[in-house]
Amino acid sequence: MDAAWPAPERHDLGPWVLRAAGGVTQRANSVWPRPASGAGEPELAGLLRDARSWYRSRRLPLIFQVTATAEAAALNTFLDVEGFTTQSETLLMTRGPARLARVTEPRRAVELDSVPSAEWLAVWWAVDGRGGDDELAIARTILQGCPAVYALVRDSAGRPAAVGRLALPDTGPGARGGLYSMATSPEARRRGYGTAVLDTLLTAGAERDLAGYWLLVTAANHGAQALYANAGFRETGRYAYRQERPKRQLTGC
């Protein structure tokens, strides 16, 4: 998953990977704490000090992407003591390989490309984007950081209605693909466009003999979870972002 959404700037800090992308998306601007057994409070305190300095030098908040696993329990407890908030709980959903027969006849014609077109980017950015042209340029760099398939479906008037991305960070035997950037324009929702994009990307994965798929969806997005459950995805993990509270500044009377 890290390779499927690669931050342009990375720094290995022992068991932690520090990632930065000018503030574009939390995932690309957060600490990825790889599993590290036996990390005690003194070690965590030292790592935190170095991570805080790294992000401050880039004028970015210090955010951790922490999975809900037993290995992360000590880190979560440490961050609780340090006053980090918890936000954006996200589900990891996975499924096995797709069969070509299941989606050989998409309900709508879906356009596929190996790069995100201007129309594709416009739909996704209008739904999920934050910022202007500079931020969009960084987002494009993240998207094209690994091979991927980009899907776009149009409405009856020919306007782009929905998009999605199948990330292919690994093409070897047993490789899996990640579904990202699934977005439908507000005026085109509940008309099957998202399903058409999803089915077509699963077909693209089946043609590449992918062993399975993963996707990430916020815990609050029940509609998207239902769409993915209907396509055979099941929750297999969770993570949340832990963000450092800004220090209060004392002001004179």
C-alpha atoms as a PDB file:
ATOM      1  CA  MET A   1       0.000   0.000   0.000  1.00  0.00           C
ATOM      2  CA  ASP A   2       2.888   2.339   0.683  1.00  0.00           C
ATOM      3  CA  ALA A   3       4.256   1.685  -2.809  1.00  0.00           C
ATOM      4  CA  ALA A   4       0.842   2.278  -4.362  1.00  0.00           C
ATOM      5  CA  TRP A   5       0.642   5.830  -2.967  1.00  0.00           C
ATOM      6  CA  PRO A   6       4.299   6.885  -2.798  1.00  0.00           C
ATOM      7  CA  ALA A   7       5.273  10.186  -1.211  1.00  0.00           C
ATOM      8  CA  PRO A   8       7.771  12.195  -3.300  1.00  0.00           C
ATOM      9  CA  GLU A   9       9.966  12.685  -0.227  1.00  0.00           C
ATOM     10  CA  ARG A  10      10.867   9.870   2.165  1.00  0.00           C
ATOM     11  CA  HIS A  11      13.282   9.368   5.026  1.00  0.00           C
ATOM     12  CA  ASP A  12      14.004   6.123   6.865  1.00  0.00           C
ATOM     13  CA  LEU A  13      14.155   6.657  10.622  1.00  0.00           C
ATOM     14  CA  GLY A  14      14.848   3.164  11.893  1.00  0.00           C
ATOM     15  CA  PRO A  15      11.473   1.456  12.285  1.00  0.00           C
ATOM     16  CA  TRP A  16       9.646   4.551  10.986  1.00  0.00           C
ATOM     17  CA  VAL A  17       9.342   5.907   7.456  1.00  0.00           C
ATOM     18  CA  LEU A  18       8.791   9.660   7.275  1.00  0.00           C
ATOM     19  CA  ARG A  19       6.803  10.734   4.209  1.00  0.00           C
ATOM     20  CA  ALA A  20       6.153  14.218   2.841  1.00  0.00           C
ATOM     21  CA  ALA A  21       4.306  15.596  -0.185  1.00  0.00           C
ATOM     22  CA  GLY A  22       3.761  19.273   0.476  1.00  0.00           C
ATOM     23  CA  GLY A  23       0.703  18.532   2.589  1.00  0.00           C
ATOM     24  CA  VAL A  24      -1.203  16.791  -0.240  1.00  0.00           C
ATOM     25  CA  THR A  25      -3.166  13.905   1.353  1.00  0.00           C
ATOM     26  CA  GLN A  26      -2.614  12.647   4.896  1.00  0.00           C
ATOM     27  CA  ARG A  27      -1.233   9.304   3.731  1.00  0.00           C
ATOM     28  CA  ALA A  28       1.624  10.893   1.804  1.00  0.00           C
ATOM     29  CA  ASN A  29       2.404  13.280   4.680  1.00  0.00           C
ATOM     30  CA  SER A  30       2.505  10.902   7.607  1.00  0.00           C
ATOM     31  CA  VAL A  31       4.813   8.601   9.518  1.00  0.00           C
ATOM     32  CA  TRP A  32       4.520   4.957   8.576  1.00  0.00           C
ATOM     33  CA  PRO A  33       5.647   2.997  11.655  1.00  0.00           C
ATOM     34  CA  ARG A  34       6.768  -0.364  10.367  1.00  0.00           C
ATOM     35  CA  PRO A  35       6.327  -3.185  12.910  1.00  0.00           C
ATOM     36  CA  ALA A  36       9.146  -3.060  15.427  1.00  0.00           C
ATOM     37  CA  SER A  37       9.130  -5.416  18.377  1.00  0.00           C
ATOM     38  CA  GLY A  38      10.564  -4.324  21.687  1.00  0.00           C
ATOM     39  CA  ALA A  39      10.555  -0.559  21.089  1.00  0.00           C
ATOM     40  CA  GLY A  40      10.414   0.928  24.572  1.00  0.00           C
ATOM     41  CA  GLU A  41       9.445   4.414  25.680  1.00  0.00           C
ATOM     42  CA  PRO A  42      13.028   5.827  25.571  1.00  0.00           C
ATOM     43  CA  GLU A  43      13.448   4.665  21.960  1.00  0.00           C
ATOM     44  CA  LEU A  44      10.016   5.995  20.988  1.00  0.00           C
ATOM     45  CA  ALA A  45      10.774   9.340  22.609  1.00  0.00           C
ATOM     46  CA  GLY A  46      13.962   9.671  20.563  1.00  0.00           C
ATOM     47  CA  LEU A  47      12.223   8.715  17.348  1.00  0.00           C
ATOM     48  CA  LEU A  48       9.439  11.188  18.070  1.00  0.00           C
ATOM     49  CA  ARG A  49      11.913  14.000  18.643  1.00  0.00           C
ATOM     50  CA  ASP A  50      13.635  13.357  15.302  1.00  0.00           C
ATOM     51  CA  ALA A  51      10.327  12.983  13.432  1.00  0.00           C
ATOM     52  CA  ARG A  52       8.995  16.210  14.923  1.00  0.00           C
ATOM     53  CA  SER A  53      12.096  18.078  13.767  1.00  0.00           C
ATOM     54  CA  TRP A  54      11.873  16.592  10.239  1.00  0.00           C
ATOM     55  CA  TYR A  55       8.256  17.647   9.737  1.00  0.00           C
ATOM     56  CA  ARG A  56       8.714  21.069  11.325  1.00  0.00           C
ATOM     57  CA  SER A  57      11.531  21.824   8.889  1.00  0.00           C
ATOM     58  CA  ARG A  58       8.977  21.238   6.109  1.00  0.00           C
ATOM     59  CA  ARG A  59       6.241  23.244   7.817  1.00  0.00           C
ATOM     60  CA  LEU A  60       4.054  20.135   8.065  1.00  0.00           C
ATOM     61  CA  PRO A  61       2.109  18.748  11.026  1.00  0.00           C
ATOM     62  CA  LEU A  62       3.326  15.544  12.634  1.00  0.00           C
ATOM     63  CA  ILE A  63       0.856  12.772  11.735  1.00  0.00           C
ATOM     64  CA  PHE A  64       1.133   9.001  12.187  1.00  0.00           C
ATOM     65  CA  GLN A  65      -0.682   6.356  10.147  1.00  0.00           C
ATOM     66  CA  VAL A  66      -1.189   3.638  12.771  1.00  0.00           C
ATOM     67  CA  THR A  67      -2.856   0.285  12.176  1.00  0.00           C
ATOM     68  CA  ALA A  68      -5.182  -1.297  14.718  1.00  0.00           C
ATOM     69  CA  THR A  69      -2.912  -4.238  15.475  1.00  0.00           C
ATOM     70  CA  ALA A  70      -1.295  -5.723  18.569  1.00  0.00           C
ATOM     71  CA  GLU A  71       2.117  -4.627  17.256  1.00  0.00           C
ATOM     72  CA  ALA A  72       0.962  -0.993  17.292  1.00  0.00           C
ATOM     73  CA  ALA A  73      -0.489  -1.073  20.829  1.00  0.00           C
ATOM     74  CA  ALA A  74       2.648   0.305  22.497  1.00  0.00           C
ATOM     75  CA  LEU A  75       2.922   3.126  19.953  1.00  0.00           C
ATOM     76  CA  ASN A  76      -0.750   4.040  20.349  1.00  0.00           C
ATOM     77  CA  THR A  77      -0.372   4.163  24.120  1.00  0.00           C
ATOM     78  CA  PHE A  78       2.736   6.334  23.764  1.00  0.00           C
ATOM     79  CA  LEU A  79       0.940   8.729  21.404  1.00  0.00           C
ATOM     80  CA  ASP A  80      -2.008   8.923  23.825  1.00  0.00           C
ATOM     81  CA  VAL A  81       0.346  10.078  26.566  1.00  0.00           C
ATOM     82  CA  GLU A  82       1.949  12.577  24.194  1.00  0.00           C
ATOM     83  CA  GLY A  83      -1.479  14.094  23.464  1.00  0.00           C
ATOM     84  CA  PHE A  84      -1.985  12.961  19.864  1.00  0.00           C
ATOM     85  CA  THR A  85      -5.570  13.026  18.583  1.00  0.00           C
ATOM     86  CA  THR A  86      -7.199  10.198  16.611  1.00  0.00           C
ATOM     87  CA  GLN A  87      -8.942  10.986  13.331  1.00  0.00           C
ATOM     88  CA  SER A  88      -9.988   9.598   9.943  1.00  0.00           C
ATOM     89  CA  GLU A  89     -10.490   5.959  10.914  1.00  0.00           C
ATOM     90  CA  THR A  90     -10.128   3.921   7.736  1.00  0.00           C
ATOM     91  CA  LEU A  91     -11.054   0.359   6.801  1.00  0.00           C
ATOM     92  CA  LEU A  92      -8.794  -1.924   4.804  1.00  0.00           C
ATOM     93  CA  MET A  93     -10.982  -4.163   2.624  1.00  0.00           C
ATOM     94  CA  THR A  94      -9.642  -7.043   0.545  1.00  0.00           C
ATOM     95  CA  ARG A  95     -10.852  -9.751  -1.797  1.00  0.00           C
ATOM     96  CA  GLY A  96      -9.400 -12.582  -3.842  1.00  0.00           C
ATOM     97  CA  PRO A  97      -8.901 -12.758  -7.602  1.00  0.00           C
ATOM     98  CA  ALA A  98     -11.642 -11.629  -9.948  1.00  0.00           C
ATOM     99  CA  ARG A  99     -13.015 -13.902 -12.623  1.00  0.00           C
ATOM    100  CA  LEU A 100     -13.215 -12.575 -16.131  1.00  0.00           C
ATOM    101  CA  ALA A 101     -16.650 -14.125 -16.616  1.00  0.00           C
ATOM    102  CA  ARG A 102     -18.057 -12.004 -13.794  1.00  0.00           C
ATOM    103  CA  VAL A 103     -17.493  -8.702 -15.527  1.00  0.00           C
ATOM    104  CA  THR A 104     -17.102  -9.431 -19.229  1.00  0.00           C
ATOM    105  CA  GLU A 105     -20.068  -7.178 -20.085  1.00  0.00           C
ATOM    106  CA  PRO A 106     -19.830  -3.869 -18.233  1.00  0.00           C
ATOM    107  CA  ARG A 107     -23.090  -1.997 -18.129  1.00  0.00           C
ATOM    108  CA  ARG A 108     -21.423   1.096 -19.531  1.00  0.00           C
ATOM    109  CA  ALA A 109     -18.433   1.715 -21.771  1.00  0.00           C
ATOM    110  CA  VAL A 110     -15.487   2.610 -19.549  1.00  0.00           C
ATOM    111  CA  GLU A 111     -12.350   4.257 -20.907  1.00  0.00           C
ATOM    112  CA  LEU A 112      -9.001   2.905 -19.685  1.00  0.00           C
ATOM    113  CA  ASP A 113      -5.591   4.555 -19.762  1.00  0.00           C
ATOM    114  CA  SER A 114      -2.158   4.088 -18.227  1.00  0.00           C
ATOM    115  CA  VAL A 115      -1.947   7.755 -17.147  1.00  0.00           C
ATOM    116  CA  PRO A 116      -4.522  10.069 -15.562  1.00  0.00           C
ATOM    117  CA  SER A 117      -5.993  12.332 -18.229  1.00  0.00           C
ATOM    118  CA  ALA A 118      -6.991  15.942 -17.563  1.00  0.00           C
ATOM    119  CA  GLU A 119     -10.651  14.850 -17.435  1.00  0.00           C
ATOM    120  CA  TRP A 120      -9.862  12.023 -15.028  1.00  0.00           C
ATOM    121  CA  LEU A 121      -7.973  14.370 -12.728  1.00  0.00           C
ATOM    122  CA  ALA A 122     -10.751  16.973 -12.867  1.00  0.00           C
ATOM    123  CA  VAL A 123     -13.390  14.496 -11.636  1.00  0.00           C
ATOM    124  CA  TRP A 124     -11.238  13.063  -8.857  1.00  0.00           C
ATOM    125  CA  TRP A 125      -9.904  16.427  -7.687  1.00  0.00           C
ATOM    126  CA  ALA A 126     -13.389  17.977  -7.634  1.00  0.00           C
ATOM    127  CA  VAL A 127     -14.524  15.207  -5.259  1.00  0.00           C
ATOM    128  CA  ASP A 128     -11.445  14.504  -3.118  1.00  0.00           C
ATOM    129  CA  GLY A 129      -8.938  17.247  -3.867  1.00  0.00           C
ATOM    130  CA  ARG A 130      -7.791  20.005  -1.560  1.00  0.00           C
ATOM    131  CA  GLY A 131      -5.942  22.997  -2.987  1.00  0.00           C
ATOM    132  CA  GLY A 132      -5.087  24.574  -6.315  1.00  0.00           C
ATOM    133  CA  ASP A 133      -2.871  23.854  -9.300  1.00  0.00           C
ATOM    134  CA  ASP A 134       0.306  23.374  -7.260  1.00  0.00           C
ATOM    135  CA  GLU A 135      -1.336  20.763  -5.036  1.00  0.00           C
ATOM    136  CA  LEU A 136      -2.854  19.026  -8.053  1.00  0.00           C
ATOM    137  CA  ALA A 137       0.597  18.773  -9.643  1.00  0.00           C
ATOM    138  CA  ILE A 138       1.900  17.046  -6.496  1.00  0.00           C
ATOM    139  CA  ALA A 139      -1.106  14.718  -6.519  1.00  0.00           C
ATOM    140  CA  ARG A 140      -0.359  13.757 -10.114  1.00  0.00           C
ATOM    141  CA  THR A 141       3.207  12.888  -9.084  1.00  0.00           C
ATOM    142  CA  ILE A 142       1.870  10.618  -6.326  1.00  0.00           C
ATOM    143  CA  LEU A 143      -0.612   8.934  -8.667  1.00  0.00           C
ATOM    144  CA  GLN A 144       2.047   8.227 -11.275  1.00  0.00           C
ATOM    145  CA  GLY A 145       4.539   6.950  -8.712  1.00  0.00           C
ATOM    146  CA  CYS A 146       3.742   3.366  -9.674  1.00  0.00           C
ATOM    147  CA  PRO A 147       2.175   1.648 -12.705  1.00  0.00           C
ATOM    148  CA  ALA A 148      -1.611   1.873 -12.699  1.00  0.00           C
ATOM    149  CA  VAL A 149      -4.775   1.613 -14.769  1.00  0.00           C
ATOM    150  CA  TYR A 150      -7.071   4.659 -14.826  1.00  0.00           C
ATOM    151  CA  ALA A 151     -10.770   4.207 -15.567  1.00  0.00           C
ATOM    152  CA  LEU A 152     -13.287   6.889 -16.608  1.00  0.00           C
ATOM    153  CA  VAL A 153     -16.962   6.529 -17.479  1.00  0.00           C
ATOM    154  CA  ARG A 154     -19.142   9.200 -19.072  1.00  0.00           C
ATOM    155  CA  ASP A 155     -22.816  10.042 -18.627  1.00  0.00           C
ATOM    156  CA  SER A 156     -25.369  10.013 -21.453  1.00  0.00           C
ATOM    157  CA  ALA A 157     -24.309  13.525 -22.472  1.00  0.00           C
ATOM    158  CA  GLY A 158     -20.656  12.533 -22.767  1.00  0.00           C
ATOM    159  CA  ARG A 159     -19.524  14.282 -19.601  1.00  0.00           C
ATOM    160  CA  PRO A 160     -17.037  12.512 -17.280  1.00  0.00           C
ATOM    161  CA  ALA A 161     -19.127  10.995 -14.480  1.00  0.00           C
ATOM    162  CA  ALA A 162     -16.901   8.688 -12.427  1.00  0.00           C
ATOM    163  CA  VAL A 163     -13.270   7.600 -12.196  1.00  0.00           C
ATOM    164  CA  GLY A 164     -11.076   5.069 -10.419  1.00  0.00           C
ATOM    165  CA  ARG A 165      -7.485   3.828 -10.297  1.00  0.00           C
ATOM    166  CA  LEU A 166      -6.050   0.324 -10.071  1.00  0.00           C
ATOM    167  CA  ALA A 167      -2.519   0.616  -8.664  1.00  0.00           C
ATOM    168  CA  LEU A 168      -0.057  -2.084  -9.759  1.00  0.00           C
ATOM    169  CA  PRO A 169       3.017  -1.627  -7.541  1.00  0.00           C
ATOM    170  CA  ASP A 170       4.043  -5.269  -7.984  1.00  0.00           C
ATOM    171  CA  THR A 171       3.665  -7.290 -11.178  1.00  0.00           C
ATOM    172  CA  GLY A 172       5.344 -10.519 -10.068  1.00  0.00           C
ATOM    173  CA  PRO A 173       3.691 -13.868  -9.256  1.00  0.00           C
ATOM    174  CA  GLY A 174       1.017 -13.481  -6.586  1.00  0.00           C
ATOM    175  CA  ALA A 175       0.832  -9.713  -7.124  1.00  0.00           C
ATOM    176  CA  ARG A 176      -2.207  -7.823  -5.880  1.00  0.00           C
ATOM    177  CA  GLY A 177      -3.688  -4.530  -7.013  1.00  0.00           C
ATOM    178  CA  GLY A 178      -4.997  -1.595  -5.014  1.00  0.00           C
ATOM    179  CA  LEU A 179      -8.154   0.318  -5.862  1.00  0.00           C
ATOM    180  CA  TYR A 180      -7.750   4.042  -5.255  1.00  0.00           C
ATOM    181  CA  SER A 181      -9.325   7.387  -6.129  1.00  0.00           C
ATOM    182  CA  MET A 182     -12.822   6.041  -6.704  1.00  0.00           C
ATOM    183  CA  ALA A 183     -14.870   9.192  -7.247  1.00  0.00           C
ATOM    184  CA  THR A 184     -18.258  10.032  -8.774  1.00  0.00           C
ATOM    185  CA  SER A 185     -19.420  13.545  -9.586  1.00  0.00           C
ATOM    186  CA  PRO A 186     -22.247  14.593  -7.209  1.00  0.00           C
ATOM    187  CA  GLU A 187     -24.775  14.990 -10.033  1.00  0.00           C
ATOM    188  CA  ALA A 188     -23.989  11.500 -11.370  1.00  0.00           C
ATOM    189  CA  ARG A 189     -24.342   9.489  -8.164  1.00  0.00           C
ATOM    190  CA  ARG A 190     -26.665   6.513  -7.634  1.00  0.00           C
ATOM    191  CA  ARG A 191     -26.771   5.746 -11.343  1.00  0.00           C
ATOM    192  CA  GLY A 192     -24.352   2.830 -11.459  1.00  0.00           C
ATOM    193  CA  TYR A 193     -21.314   4.724 -12.699  1.00  0.00           C
ATOM    194  CA  GLY A 194     -19.178   3.806  -9.702  1.00  0.00           C
ATOM    195  CA  THR A 195     -20.097   0.144 -10.096  1.00  0.00           C
ATOM    196  CA  ALA A 196     -19.171   0.261 -13.787  1.00  0.00           C
ATOM    197  CA  VAL A 197     -15.733   1.681 -12.933  1.00  0.00           C
ATOM    198  CA  LEU A 198     -15.182  -0.884 -10.176  1.00  0.00           C
ATOM    199  CA  ASP A 199     -16.185  -3.842 -12.363  1.00  0.00           C
ATOM    200  CA  THR A 200     -13.965  -2.651 -15.204  1.00  0.00           C
ATOM    201  CA  LEU A 201     -10.931  -2.254 -12.945  1.00  0.00           C
ATOM    202  CA  LEU A 202     -11.498  -5.749 -11.546  1.00  0.00           C
ATOM    203  CA  THR A 203     -11.586  -7.011 -15.135  1.00  0.00           C
ATOM    204  CA  ALA A 204      -8.318  -5.203 -15.847  1.00  0.00           C
ATOM    205  CA  GLY A 205      -6.825  -6.954 -12.835  1.00  0.00           C
ATOM    206  CA  ALA A 206      -8.138 -10.349 -13.924  1.00  0.00           C
ATOM    207  CA  GLU A 207      -6.522  -9.861 -17.323  1.00  0.00           C
ATOM    208  CA  ARG A 208      -3.230  -9.358 -15.468  1.00  0.00           C
ATOM    209  CA  ASP A 209      -3.769 -12.480 -13.305  1.00  0.00           C
ATOM    210  CA  LEU A 210      -3.793 -10.528 -10.057  1.00  0.00           C
ATOM    211  CA  ALA A 211      -4.070 -12.717  -6.973  1.00  0.00           C
ATOM    212  CA  GLY A 212      -6.306 -10.256  -5.143  1.00  0.00           C
ATOM    213  CA  TYR A 213      -7.179  -6.660  -4.422  1.00  0.00           C
ATOM    214  CA  TRP A 214      -7.259  -4.176  -1.580  1.00  0.00           C
ATOM    215  CA  LEU A 215      -8.886  -0.816  -1.083  1.00  0.00           C
ATOM    216  CA  LEU A 216      -9.164   1.808   1.642  1.00  0.00           C
ATOM    217  CA  VAL A 217     -12.430   3.461   2.669  1.00  0.00           C
ATOM    218  CA  THR A 218     -13.258   5.724   5.597  1.00  0.00           C
ATOM    219  CA  ALA A 219     -15.231   4.144   8.412  1.00  0.00           C
ATOM    220  CA  ALA A 220     -17.919   6.806   8.017  1.00  0.00           C
ATOM    221  CA  ASN A 221     -18.547   6.106   4.308  1.00  0.00           C
ATOM    222  CA  HIS A 222     -21.163   3.375   4.626  1.00  0.00           C
ATOM    223  CA  GLY A 223     -22.424   3.787   1.061  1.00  0.00           C
ATOM    224  CA  ALA A 224     -19.012   3.023  -0.423  1.00  0.00           C
ATOM    225  CA  GLN A 225     -18.546   0.104   1.971  1.00  0.00           C
ATOM    226  CA  ALA A 226     -21.808  -1.416   0.703  1.00  0.00           C
ATOM    227  CA  LEU A 227     -20.680  -1.013  -2.921  1.00  0.00           C
ATOM    228  CA  TYR A 228     -17.406  -2.781  -2.197  1.00  0.00           C
ATOM    229  CA  ALA A 229     -19.062  -5.506  -0.120  1.00  0.00           C
ATOM    230  CA  ASN A 230     -21.329  -6.281  -3.080  1.00  0.00           C
ATOM    231  CA  ALA A 231     -18.175  -6.726  -5.161  1.00  0.00           C
ATOM    232  CA  GLY A 232     -16.766  -9.299  -2.727  1.00  0.00           C
ATOM    233  CA  PHE A 233     -14.597  -7.098  -0.507  1.00  0.00           C
ATOM    234  CA  ARG A 234     -14.451  -7.741   3.242  1.00  0.00           C
ATOM    235  CA  GLU A 235     -12.875  -5.763   6.055  1.00  0.00           C
ATOM    236  CA  THR A 236      -9.516  -7.224   7.053  1.00  0.00           C
ATOM    237  CA  GLY A 237      -7.942  -4.358   8.985  1.00  0.00           C
ATOM    238  CA  ARG A 238      -8.172  -0.747  10.118  1.00  0.00           C
ATOM    239  CA  TYR A 239      -5.935   2.211  10.688  1.00  0.00           C
ATOM    240  CA  ALA A 240      -6.307   5.770  11.920  1.00  0.00           C
ATOM    241  CA  TYR A 241      -4.278   8.941  11.757  1.00  0.00           C
ATOM    242  CA  ARG A 242      -2.781  10.247  14.984  1.00  0.00           C
ATOM    243  CA  GLN A 243      -2.021  13.969  14.815  1.00  0.00           C
ATOM    244  CA  GLU A 244      -0.070  16.081  17.234  1.00  0.00           C
ATOM    245  CA  ARG A 245      -2.094  18.808  18.893  1.00  0.00           C
ATOM    246  CA  PRO A 246      -0.703  22.303  18.268  1.00  0.00           C
ATOM    247  CA  LYS A 247       0.956  23.794  21.311  1.00  0.00           C
ATOM    248  CA  ARG A 248      -1.037  26.522  23.010  1.00  0.00           C
ATOM    249  CA  GLN A 249       0.573  29.902  22.864  1.00  0.00           C
ATOM    250  CA  LEU A 250       0.433  32.165  25.898  1.00  0.00           C
ATOM    251  CA  THR A 251      -0.663  35.736  25.221  1.00  0.00           C
ATOM    252  CA  GLY A 252      -0.132  38.752  27.400  1.00  0.00           C
ATOM    253  CA  CYS A 253      -2.905  40.834  28.884  1.00  0.00           C
END
